[in-house]
Amino acid sequence: MKYRRVVIPGATYFFTLVTYQRRPIFSDPVAVEKLRAAFRFTMERMPFMIVASVILLDHMHFIWTLPAESGDFSTRWRLIKSQFTHHYLTGNAASESASREKKRESDVWQRRFWEHWIRDEADLRNHVEYIHYNPVKHGLAKTAAEWKCSSFMKYVQDGIYPVDWAGDVQLFAGERFVE
C-alpha cells in the first residue's frame, strides 16, 4: 500500500507516534532522555521547530513547524526513531515478528506514524489543547501541569495558559473541551 502524505515546505503538522504493541517504554525516565537526545541529534542535522509536545507512556504527540525550504518530516521522524532505537536497545534484540525480523525492524515502534497538516489558527489551538490535555484524558495526571513530559509549562511560562488551565474540565468532546 502506498501512503500519500501532504508535504508542504514550511508547514505546521500534528503527529502521533506509537510504540510497538503499545509497550510503555516511556515510563522509564532514561528512555525519555534518550528520546530527547534523538531529537537533538536530528534537529542539528535537519532543523525544525517544536510548537507543542507530550510524551506519554506508549505514544507521543508533537506539533512541528518545518523550515521554509523543507517539507521532509518523514526523514526527520526516521532519524529520531532510528537514533532512539539504536541507543535504547542493548545487545542484539531479536524481533518477535518474522515480518519485522525480515525487514530488520526492532520491536520499539509501530511501523508508521500519523500526521495532520495544521490548516489555520483554530486548528492549531485545538491540537495544542489536545496535546496538553492528553495526560489527563489518559488518567496519567489530574491536571496538565502535573505531567512533566509536555510543553504545557512552557505555555504557562509564556503567559498563554494559567497553571490551572483545564483543571475543571469534565469531558473532552471531539475538537473542543466542554466544561
N, C-alpha and C. Protein backbone atom coordinates (compact mmCIF):
# COMPACT_ATOMS: atom_id res chain seq x y z
N MET A 1 0.84 -1.17 0.00
CA MET A 1 0.00 0.00 0.00
C MET A 1 0.89 1.24 0.00
N LYS A 2 0.56 2.18 -0.83
CA LYS A 2 1.30 3.43 -0.95
C LYS A 2 0.56 4.50 -0.13
N TYR A 3 1.25 5.08 0.84
CA TYR A 3 0.67 6.13 1.66
C TYR A 3 0.92 7.48 1.02
N ARG A 4 -0.09 8.30 0.98
CA ARG A 4 0.05 9.65 0.46
C ARG A 4 0.06 10.62 1.64
N ARG A 5 1.04 11.47 1.65
CA ARG A 5 1.16 12.45 2.72
C ARG A 5 1.21 13.84 2.09
N VAL A 6 0.61 14.78 2.78
CA VAL A 6 0.67 16.17 2.34
C VAL A 6 2.01 16.72 2.81
N VAL A 7 2.85 17.08 1.87
CA VAL A 7 4.20 17.57 2.18
C VAL A 7 4.30 19.00 1.68
N ILE A 8 4.38 19.94 2.63
CA ILE A 8 4.42 21.36 2.30
C ILE A 8 5.61 22.00 3.04
N PRO A 9 6.61 22.48 2.32
CA PRO A 9 7.72 23.16 3.00
C PRO A 9 7.21 24.32 3.86
N GLY A 10 7.76 24.41 5.07
CA GLY A 10 7.41 25.49 5.98
C GLY A 10 6.09 25.31 6.71
N ALA A 11 5.40 24.21 6.47
CA ALA A 11 4.08 23.98 7.09
C ALA A 11 4.21 23.51 8.53
N THR A 12 3.08 23.54 9.22
CA THR A 12 2.99 23.06 10.60
C THR A 12 2.14 21.79 10.58
N TYR A 13 2.61 20.77 11.32
CA TYR A 13 1.96 19.46 11.36
C TYR A 13 1.79 18.97 12.78
N PHE A 14 0.72 18.21 12.98
CA PHE A 14 0.48 17.46 14.21
C PHE A 14 0.83 16.01 13.91
N PHE A 15 1.57 15.36 14.82
CA PHE A 15 1.99 13.97 14.64
C PHE A 15 1.61 13.12 15.86
N THR A 16 1.34 11.86 15.59
CA THR A 16 1.18 10.85 16.64
C THR A 16 2.07 9.68 16.29
N LEU A 17 2.89 9.26 17.24
CA LEU A 17 3.72 8.06 17.10
C LEU A 17 3.41 7.15 18.28
N VAL A 18 3.40 5.84 17.99
CA VAL A 18 3.02 4.85 18.99
C VAL A 18 4.11 3.80 19.08
N THR A 19 4.37 3.32 20.29
CA THR A 19 5.33 2.24 20.46
C THR A 19 4.73 0.92 19.98
N TYR A 20 5.60 -0.01 19.66
CA TYR A 20 5.17 -1.33 19.19
C TYR A 20 4.33 -2.01 20.27
N GLN A 21 3.14 -2.45 19.89
CA GLN A 21 2.18 -3.11 20.77
C GLN A 21 1.89 -2.28 22.03
N ARG A 22 2.00 -0.97 21.87
CA ARG A 22 1.72 -0.01 22.96
C ARG A 22 2.50 -0.33 24.24
N ARG A 23 3.73 -0.75 24.06
CA ARG A 23 4.59 -1.01 25.22
C ARG A 23 4.91 0.31 25.92
N PRO A 24 4.81 0.38 27.23
CA PRO A 24 5.00 1.63 27.97
C PRO A 24 6.49 1.96 28.22
N ILE A 25 7.26 2.04 27.15
CA ILE A 25 8.70 2.23 27.31
C ILE A 25 9.06 3.60 27.87
N PHE A 26 8.17 4.59 27.70
CA PHE A 26 8.49 5.93 28.20
C PHE A 26 8.07 6.13 29.66
N SER A 27 7.74 5.03 30.34
CA SER A 27 7.57 5.11 31.79
C SER A 27 8.95 5.18 32.46
N ASP A 28 9.98 4.87 31.70
CA ASP A 28 11.36 4.92 32.18
C ASP A 28 11.97 6.28 31.83
N PRO A 29 12.35 7.08 32.83
CA PRO A 29 12.94 8.40 32.54
C PRO A 29 14.19 8.33 31.67
N VAL A 30 14.94 7.22 31.73
CA VAL A 30 16.12 7.06 30.88
C VAL A 30 15.69 7.00 29.41
N ALA A 31 14.60 6.30 29.13
CA ALA A 31 14.08 6.22 27.76
C ALA A 31 13.66 7.60 27.26
N VAL A 32 13.04 8.38 28.13
CA VAL A 32 12.62 9.74 27.76
C VAL A 32 13.85 10.58 27.42
N GLU A 33 14.89 10.47 28.22
CA GLU A 33 16.11 11.24 27.94
C GLU A 33 16.75 10.78 26.63
N LYS A 34 16.73 9.50 26.35
CA LYS A 34 17.28 9.00 25.08
C LYS A 34 16.46 9.52 23.90
N LEU A 35 15.15 9.62 24.09
CA LEU A 35 14.30 10.20 23.04
C LEU A 35 14.66 11.67 22.83
N ARG A 36 14.84 12.41 23.90
CA ARG A 36 15.23 13.82 23.78
C ARG A 36 16.57 13.95 23.07
N ALA A 37 17.49 13.05 23.37
CA ALA A 37 18.80 13.07 22.69
C ALA A 37 18.63 12.79 21.20
N ALA A 38 17.72 11.89 20.85
CA ALA A 38 17.46 11.60 19.43
C ALA A 38 16.88 12.83 18.73
N PHE A 39 16.04 13.59 19.43
CA PHE A 39 15.52 14.83 18.87
C PHE A 39 16.64 15.84 18.65
N ARG A 40 17.51 16.00 19.65
CA ARG A 40 18.63 16.94 19.50
C ARG A 40 19.52 16.55 18.32
N PHE A 41 19.84 15.28 18.21
CA PHE A 41 20.66 14.76 17.10
C PHE A 41 20.02 15.14 15.76
N THR A 42 18.74 14.89 15.63
CA THR A 42 18.03 15.13 14.37
C THR A 42 17.93 16.63 14.09
N MET A 43 17.59 17.41 15.09
CA MET A 43 17.42 18.86 14.89
C MET A 43 18.72 19.54 14.49
N GLU A 44 19.86 19.00 14.92
CA GLU A 44 21.15 19.55 14.49
C GLU A 44 21.38 19.31 13.00
N ARG A 45 20.85 18.23 12.48
CA ARG A 45 21.06 17.86 11.08
C ARG A 45 19.95 18.35 10.16
N MET A 46 18.73 18.35 10.67
CA MET A 46 17.57 18.75 9.87
C MET A 46 16.66 19.60 10.78
N PRO A 47 16.93 20.87 10.90
CA PRO A 47 16.19 21.71 11.86
C PRO A 47 14.68 21.73 11.62
N PHE A 48 13.97 21.97 12.71
CA PHE A 48 12.53 22.21 12.72
C PHE A 48 12.20 22.79 14.08
N MET A 49 11.03 23.35 14.22
CA MET A 49 10.63 23.94 15.49
C MET A 49 9.53 23.08 16.11
N ILE A 50 9.69 22.76 17.39
CA ILE A 50 8.65 22.05 18.12
C ILE A 50 7.72 23.10 18.70
N VAL A 51 6.46 23.05 18.30
CA VAL A 51 5.45 24.00 18.75
C VAL A 51 4.82 23.53 20.05
N ALA A 52 4.50 22.24 20.13
CA ALA A 52 3.91 21.64 21.33
C ALA A 52 4.24 20.16 21.33
N SER A 53 4.26 19.57 22.54
CA SER A 53 4.61 18.16 22.63
C SER A 53 4.09 17.53 23.91
N VAL A 54 3.89 16.24 23.84
CA VAL A 54 3.63 15.43 25.03
C VAL A 54 4.16 14.03 24.74
N ILE A 55 4.88 13.49 25.71
CA ILE A 55 5.37 12.12 25.64
C ILE A 55 4.63 11.36 26.72
N LEU A 56 3.82 10.39 26.31
CA LEU A 56 3.08 9.55 27.24
C LEU A 56 3.82 8.23 27.38
N LEU A 57 3.27 7.28 28.07
CA LEU A 57 3.99 6.03 28.33
C LEU A 57 4.21 5.20 27.07
N ASP A 58 3.23 5.20 26.17
CA ASP A 58 3.31 4.33 25.00
C ASP A 58 3.07 5.05 23.67
N HIS A 59 2.92 6.35 23.72
CA HIS A 59 2.77 7.13 22.49
C HIS A 59 3.12 8.58 22.76
N MET A 60 3.19 9.34 21.68
CA MET A 60 3.55 10.75 21.81
C MET A 60 2.83 11.55 20.74
N HIS A 61 2.63 12.82 21.04
CA HIS A 61 2.07 13.77 20.08
C HIS A 61 3.00 14.96 20.00
N PHE A 62 3.20 15.45 18.80
CA PHE A 62 4.03 16.63 18.58
C PHE A 62 3.38 17.52 17.54
N ILE A 63 3.64 18.80 17.66
CA ILE A 63 3.35 19.74 16.59
C ILE A 63 4.68 20.36 16.21
N TRP A 64 5.01 20.28 14.93
CA TRP A 64 6.24 20.85 14.40
C TRP A 64 5.91 21.89 13.35
N THR A 65 6.78 22.88 13.25
CA THR A 65 6.80 23.76 12.08
C THR A 65 8.12 23.51 11.37
N LEU A 66 8.02 23.19 10.10
CA LEU A 66 9.20 22.89 9.30
C LEU A 66 9.79 24.17 8.71
N PRO A 67 11.08 24.15 8.38
CA PRO A 67 11.68 25.33 7.76
C PRO A 67 11.08 25.57 6.36
N ALA A 68 11.14 26.81 5.92
CA ALA A 68 10.54 27.20 4.64
C ALA A 68 11.09 26.40 3.47
N GLU A 69 12.30 25.90 3.58
CA GLU A 69 12.92 25.19 2.45
C GLU A 69 12.72 23.67 2.51
N SER A 70 11.99 23.17 3.51
CA SER A 70 11.87 21.72 3.63
C SER A 70 10.49 21.30 4.14
N GLY A 71 9.95 20.29 3.50
CA GLY A 71 8.71 19.68 3.96
C GLY A 71 8.92 18.24 4.36
N ASP A 72 10.16 17.82 4.50
CA ASP A 72 10.50 16.42 4.71
C ASP A 72 10.43 16.03 6.19
N PHE A 73 9.24 15.81 6.67
CA PHE A 73 9.08 15.37 8.06
C PHE A 73 9.35 13.86 8.19
N SER A 74 9.14 13.10 7.13
CA SER A 74 9.34 11.64 7.22
C SER A 74 10.80 11.29 7.53
N THR A 75 11.74 11.95 6.87
CA THR A 75 13.15 11.68 7.16
C THR A 75 13.49 12.09 8.58
N ARG A 76 12.95 13.18 9.03
CA ARG A 76 13.20 13.62 10.41
C ARG A 76 12.71 12.55 11.40
N TRP A 77 11.49 12.05 11.19
CA TRP A 77 10.98 11.01 12.09
C TRP A 77 11.80 9.73 11.97
N ARG A 78 12.23 9.39 10.77
CA ARG A 78 13.06 8.19 10.61
C ARG A 78 14.35 8.32 11.42
N LEU A 79 14.98 9.50 11.36
CA LEU A 79 16.20 9.73 12.13
C LEU A 79 15.95 9.66 13.64
N ILE A 80 14.87 10.29 14.09
CA ILE A 80 14.55 10.27 15.52
C ILE A 80 14.31 8.83 15.99
N LYS A 81 13.48 8.11 15.24
CA LYS A 81 13.16 6.74 15.63
C LYS A 81 14.39 5.84 15.60
N SER A 82 15.22 5.97 14.57
CA SER A 82 16.40 5.10 14.48
C SER A 82 17.44 5.46 15.53
N GLN A 83 17.65 6.75 15.78
CA GLN A 83 18.59 7.15 16.84
C GLN A 83 18.13 6.65 18.20
N PHE A 84 16.86 6.85 18.49
CA PHE A 84 16.34 6.38 19.77
C PHE A 84 16.51 4.87 19.89
N THR A 85 16.09 4.14 18.86
CA THR A 85 16.14 2.68 18.89
C THR A 85 17.57 2.20 19.09
N HIS A 86 18.50 2.80 18.36
CA HIS A 86 19.91 2.40 18.47
C HIS A 86 20.41 2.56 19.91
N HIS A 87 20.07 3.65 20.56
CA HIS A 87 20.58 3.91 21.92
C HIS A 87 19.72 3.26 23.00
N TYR A 88 18.49 2.94 22.66
CA TYR A 88 17.59 2.33 23.65
C TYR A 88 17.83 0.83 23.79
N LEU A 89 18.02 0.16 22.67
CA LEU A 89 18.21 -1.29 22.71
C LEU A 89 19.61 -1.64 23.16
N THR A 90 19.72 -2.69 23.93
CA THR A 90 21.04 -3.19 24.33
C THR A 90 21.23 -4.56 23.71
N GLY A 91 22.41 -4.81 23.20
CA GLY A 91 22.69 -6.09 22.57
C GLY A 91 21.94 -6.23 21.25
N ASN A 92 21.75 -7.43 20.83
CA ASN A 92 21.03 -7.71 19.59
C ASN A 92 19.63 -8.21 19.91
N ALA A 93 18.74 -7.31 20.17
CA ALA A 93 17.36 -7.68 20.50
C ALA A 93 16.67 -8.20 19.25
N ALA A 94 16.23 -9.42 19.29
CA ALA A 94 15.53 -10.01 18.15
C ALA A 94 14.07 -9.61 18.19
N SER A 95 13.49 -9.54 17.03
CA SER A 95 12.08 -9.21 16.93
C SER A 95 11.23 -10.45 17.17
N GLU A 96 10.04 -10.25 17.75
CA GLU A 96 9.10 -11.35 17.93
C GLU A 96 8.37 -11.66 16.64
N SER A 97 8.44 -10.78 15.66
CA SER A 97 7.69 -10.91 14.42
C SER A 97 8.63 -11.30 13.27
N ALA A 98 8.26 -12.34 12.53
CA ALA A 98 9.07 -12.76 11.39
C ALA A 98 9.14 -11.66 10.34
N SER A 99 8.01 -10.97 10.13
CA SER A 99 7.97 -9.88 9.15
C SER A 99 8.90 -8.74 9.57
N ARG A 100 8.87 -8.39 10.86
CA ARG A 100 9.74 -7.32 11.36
C ARG A 100 11.21 -7.76 11.30
N GLU A 101 11.47 -9.02 11.61
CA GLU A 101 12.83 -9.56 11.56
C GLU A 101 13.37 -9.50 10.13
N LYS A 102 12.54 -9.88 9.16
CA LYS A 102 12.94 -9.88 7.76
C LYS A 102 13.30 -8.46 7.30
N LYS A 103 12.57 -7.47 7.81
CA LYS A 103 12.81 -6.08 7.43
C LYS A 103 13.84 -5.41 8.35
N ARG A 104 14.42 -6.20 9.25
CA ARG A 104 15.43 -5.71 10.20
C ARG A 104 14.87 -4.59 11.07
N GLU A 105 13.61 -4.74 11.47
CA GLU A 105 12.97 -3.78 12.35
C GLU A 105 12.98 -4.31 13.77
N SER A 106 13.10 -3.41 14.71
CA SER A 106 13.04 -3.79 16.12
C SER A 106 11.60 -3.69 16.60
N ASP A 107 11.37 -4.17 17.79
CA ASP A 107 10.05 -4.10 18.40
C ASP A 107 9.96 -2.87 19.32
N VAL A 108 10.30 -1.71 18.77
CA VAL A 108 10.24 -0.47 19.55
C VAL A 108 9.08 0.40 19.08
N TRP A 109 8.91 0.57 17.79
CA TRP A 109 7.92 1.49 17.23
C TRP A 109 6.92 0.77 16.35
N GLN A 110 5.71 1.28 16.30
CA GLN A 110 4.81 0.88 15.22
C GLN A 110 5.44 1.36 13.92
N ARG A 111 5.16 0.68 12.83
CA ARG A 111 5.82 0.99 11.56
C ARG A 111 5.56 2.40 11.07
N ARG A 112 4.36 2.87 11.20
CA ARG A 112 4.01 4.16 10.63
C ARG A 112 3.69 5.18 11.71
N PHE A 113 3.50 6.39 11.29
CA PHE A 113 3.04 7.44 12.19
C PHE A 113 1.89 8.17 11.51
N TRP A 114 1.16 8.92 12.30
CA TRP A 114 0.01 9.65 11.77
C TRP A 114 0.37 11.13 11.75
N GLU A 115 0.03 11.81 10.67
CA GLU A 115 0.28 13.25 10.60
C GLU A 115 -0.98 13.96 10.12
N HIS A 116 -1.08 15.21 10.53
CA HIS A 116 -2.19 16.07 10.13
C HIS A 116 -1.62 17.46 9.85
N TRP A 117 -1.86 17.97 8.69
CA TRP A 117 -1.43 19.32 8.32
C TRP A 117 -2.32 20.33 9.05
N ILE A 118 -1.71 21.22 9.80
CA ILE A 118 -2.44 22.27 10.53
C ILE A 118 -2.80 23.36 9.53
N ARG A 119 -4.08 23.61 9.39
CA ARG A 119 -4.57 24.50 8.34
C ARG A 119 -4.73 25.95 8.73
N ASP A 120 -5.03 26.21 10.03
CA ASP A 120 -5.25 27.60 10.45
C ASP A 120 -5.06 27.70 11.95
N GLU A 121 -5.26 28.90 12.49
CA GLU A 121 -5.04 29.15 13.92
C GLU A 121 -5.98 28.33 14.81
N ALA A 122 -7.24 28.19 14.40
CA ALA A 122 -8.19 27.40 15.19
C ALA A 122 -7.77 25.93 15.23
N ASP A 123 -7.32 25.41 14.10
CA ASP A 123 -6.83 24.04 14.03
C ASP A 123 -5.61 23.87 14.93
N LEU A 124 -4.71 24.82 14.90
CA LEU A 124 -3.53 24.79 15.76
C LEU A 124 -3.93 24.80 17.23
N ARG A 125 -4.80 25.72 17.62
CA ARG A 125 -5.23 25.82 19.02
C ARG A 125 -5.86 24.50 19.48
N ASN A 126 -6.73 23.92 18.66
CA ASN A 126 -7.37 22.66 19.02
C ASN A 126 -6.35 21.55 19.24
N HIS A 127 -5.34 21.47 18.39
CA HIS A 127 -4.35 20.42 18.53
C HIS A 127 -3.39 20.67 19.70
N VAL A 128 -3.05 21.92 19.96
CA VAL A 128 -2.23 22.24 21.14
C VAL A 128 -2.99 21.86 22.41
N GLU A 129 -4.27 22.20 22.47
CA GLU A 129 -5.09 21.84 23.63
C GLU A 129 -5.19 20.33 23.78
N TYR A 130 -5.37 19.63 22.68
CA TYR A 130 -5.44 18.17 22.71
C TYR A 130 -4.15 17.59 23.30
N ILE A 131 -3.01 18.09 22.83
CA ILE A 131 -1.72 17.63 23.34
C ILE A 131 -1.61 17.86 24.84
N HIS A 132 -1.91 19.06 25.28
CA HIS A 132 -1.71 19.39 26.70
C HIS A 132 -2.71 18.69 27.62
N TYR A 133 -3.88 18.36 27.12
CA TYR A 133 -4.87 17.67 27.94
C TYR A 133 -4.70 16.15 27.90
N ASN A 134 -3.91 15.63 26.99
CA ASN A 134 -3.80 14.19 26.78
C ASN A 134 -3.41 13.38 28.02
N PRO A 135 -2.47 13.83 28.86
CA PRO A 135 -2.15 13.04 30.06
C PRO A 135 -3.34 12.94 31.02
N VAL A 136 -4.16 13.98 31.08
CA VAL A 136 -5.35 13.95 31.92
C VAL A 136 -6.37 12.99 31.31
N LYS A 137 -6.56 13.09 30.02
CA LYS A 137 -7.50 12.23 29.29
C LYS A 137 -7.19 10.75 29.53
N HIS A 138 -5.90 10.41 29.57
CA HIS A 138 -5.48 9.02 29.74
C HIS A 138 -5.34 8.62 31.21
N GLY A 139 -5.69 9.52 32.13
CA GLY A 139 -5.64 9.19 33.55
C GLY A 139 -4.24 9.15 34.13
N LEU A 140 -3.28 9.77 33.47
CA LEU A 140 -1.90 9.78 33.94
C LEU A 140 -1.60 10.95 34.87
N ALA A 141 -2.47 11.95 34.85
CA ALA A 141 -2.30 13.13 35.70
C ALA A 141 -3.68 13.72 35.97
N LYS A 142 -3.80 14.43 37.08
CA LYS A 142 -5.07 15.09 37.39
C LYS A 142 -5.19 16.43 36.69
N THR A 143 -4.04 17.06 36.41
CA THR A 143 -4.02 18.33 35.71
C THR A 143 -2.91 18.30 34.66
N ALA A 144 -3.03 19.17 33.68
CA ALA A 144 -1.98 19.26 32.65
C ALA A 144 -0.64 19.64 33.27
N ALA A 145 -0.66 20.45 34.30
CA ALA A 145 0.58 20.92 34.94
C ALA A 145 1.34 19.79 35.63
N GLU A 146 0.67 18.74 36.01
CA GLU A 146 1.31 17.62 36.71
C GLU A 146 2.22 16.80 35.80
N TRP A 147 1.93 16.78 34.50
CA TRP A 147 2.66 15.91 33.58
C TRP A 147 3.92 16.62 33.10
N LYS A 148 5.07 16.08 33.45
CA LYS A 148 6.35 16.75 33.17
C LYS A 148 6.84 16.60 31.73
N CYS A 149 6.41 15.56 31.03
CA CYS A 149 6.89 15.32 29.66
C CYS A 149 5.96 15.99 28.66
N SER A 150 5.83 17.29 28.79
CA SER A 150 4.88 18.05 27.98
C SER A 150 5.40 19.48 27.85
N SER A 151 4.94 20.14 26.82
CA SER A 151 5.28 21.55 26.63
C SER A 151 4.34 22.48 27.40
N PHE A 152 3.42 21.92 28.17
CA PHE A 152 2.41 22.73 28.85
C PHE A 152 3.03 23.84 29.71
N MET A 153 4.01 23.51 30.54
CA MET A 153 4.59 24.52 31.44
C MET A 153 5.30 25.63 30.67
N LYS A 154 5.80 25.35 29.49
CA LYS A 154 6.37 26.41 28.64
C LYS A 154 5.27 27.38 28.24
N TYR A 155 4.11 26.85 27.92
CA TYR A 155 2.96 27.71 27.58
C TYR A 155 2.53 28.53 28.79
N VAL A 156 2.61 27.96 29.98
CA VAL A 156 2.31 28.70 31.21
C VAL A 156 3.34 29.81 31.40
N GLN A 157 4.62 29.48 31.28
CA GLN A 157 5.69 30.48 31.44
C GLN A 157 5.57 31.61 30.42
N ASP A 158 5.08 31.29 29.22
CA ASP A 158 4.92 32.31 28.17
C ASP A 158 3.62 33.10 28.32
N GLY A 159 2.83 32.78 29.37
CA GLY A 159 1.61 33.52 29.63
C GLY A 159 0.43 33.12 28.74
N ILE A 160 0.53 32.00 28.07
CA ILE A 160 -0.54 31.55 27.18
C ILE A 160 -1.65 30.85 27.95
N TYR A 161 -1.27 30.05 28.95
CA TYR A 161 -2.23 29.35 29.80
C TYR A 161 -1.98 29.70 31.26
N PRO A 162 -3.03 29.71 32.07
CA PRO A 162 -2.81 29.74 33.52
C PRO A 162 -2.41 28.34 33.97
N VAL A 163 -1.72 28.23 35.07
CA VAL A 163 -1.22 26.93 35.53
C VAL A 163 -2.37 25.96 35.80
N ASP A 164 -3.54 26.46 36.13
CA ASP A 164 -4.68 25.58 36.40
C ASP A 164 -5.57 25.37 35.17
N TRP A 165 -5.07 25.66 33.98
CA TRP A 165 -5.84 25.50 32.75
C TRP A 165 -6.41 24.09 32.66
N ALA A 166 -7.66 24.02 32.30
CA ALA A 166 -8.39 22.75 32.11
C ALA A 166 -8.48 21.94 33.39
N GLY A 167 -8.25 22.58 34.53
CA GLY A 167 -8.33 21.87 35.80
C GLY A 167 -9.74 21.45 36.16
N ASP A 168 -10.75 22.12 35.60
CA ASP A 168 -12.13 21.77 35.92
C ASP A 168 -12.87 21.17 34.73
N VAL A 169 -12.12 20.75 33.72
CA VAL A 169 -12.74 20.15 32.55
C VAL A 169 -13.34 18.80 32.94
N GLN A 170 -14.55 18.55 32.55
CA GLN A 170 -15.24 17.30 32.87
C GLN A 170 -15.19 16.30 31.72
N LEU A 171 -15.12 16.79 30.50
CA LEU A 171 -15.29 15.90 29.36
C LEU A 171 -14.57 16.48 28.16
N PHE A 172 -13.89 15.62 27.42
CA PHE A 172 -13.32 16.04 26.14
C PHE A 172 -14.24 15.53 25.07
N ALA A 173 -14.78 16.45 24.29
CA ALA A 173 -15.76 16.06 23.26
C ALA A 173 -15.28 16.55 21.90
N GLY A 174 -14.80 15.63 21.11
CA GLY A 174 -14.39 15.97 19.75
C GLY A 174 -13.24 16.94 19.72
N GLU A 175 -13.46 18.07 19.09
CA GLU A 175 -12.38 19.01 18.86
C GLU A 175 -12.25 20.08 19.93
N ARG A 176 -13.24 20.24 20.77
CA ARG A 176 -13.19 21.30 21.78
C ARG A 176 -13.45 20.71 23.16
N PHE A 177 -12.97 21.38 24.15
CA PHE A 177 -13.21 20.97 25.52
C PHE A 177 -14.57 21.47 25.97
N VAL A 178 -15.29 20.66 26.68
CA VAL A 178 -16.62 21.01 27.18
C VAL A 178 -16.56 20.96 28.69
N GLU A 179 -17.00 22.05 29.34
CA GLU A 179 -17.00 22.09 30.80
C GLU A 179 -18.39 21.82 31.33
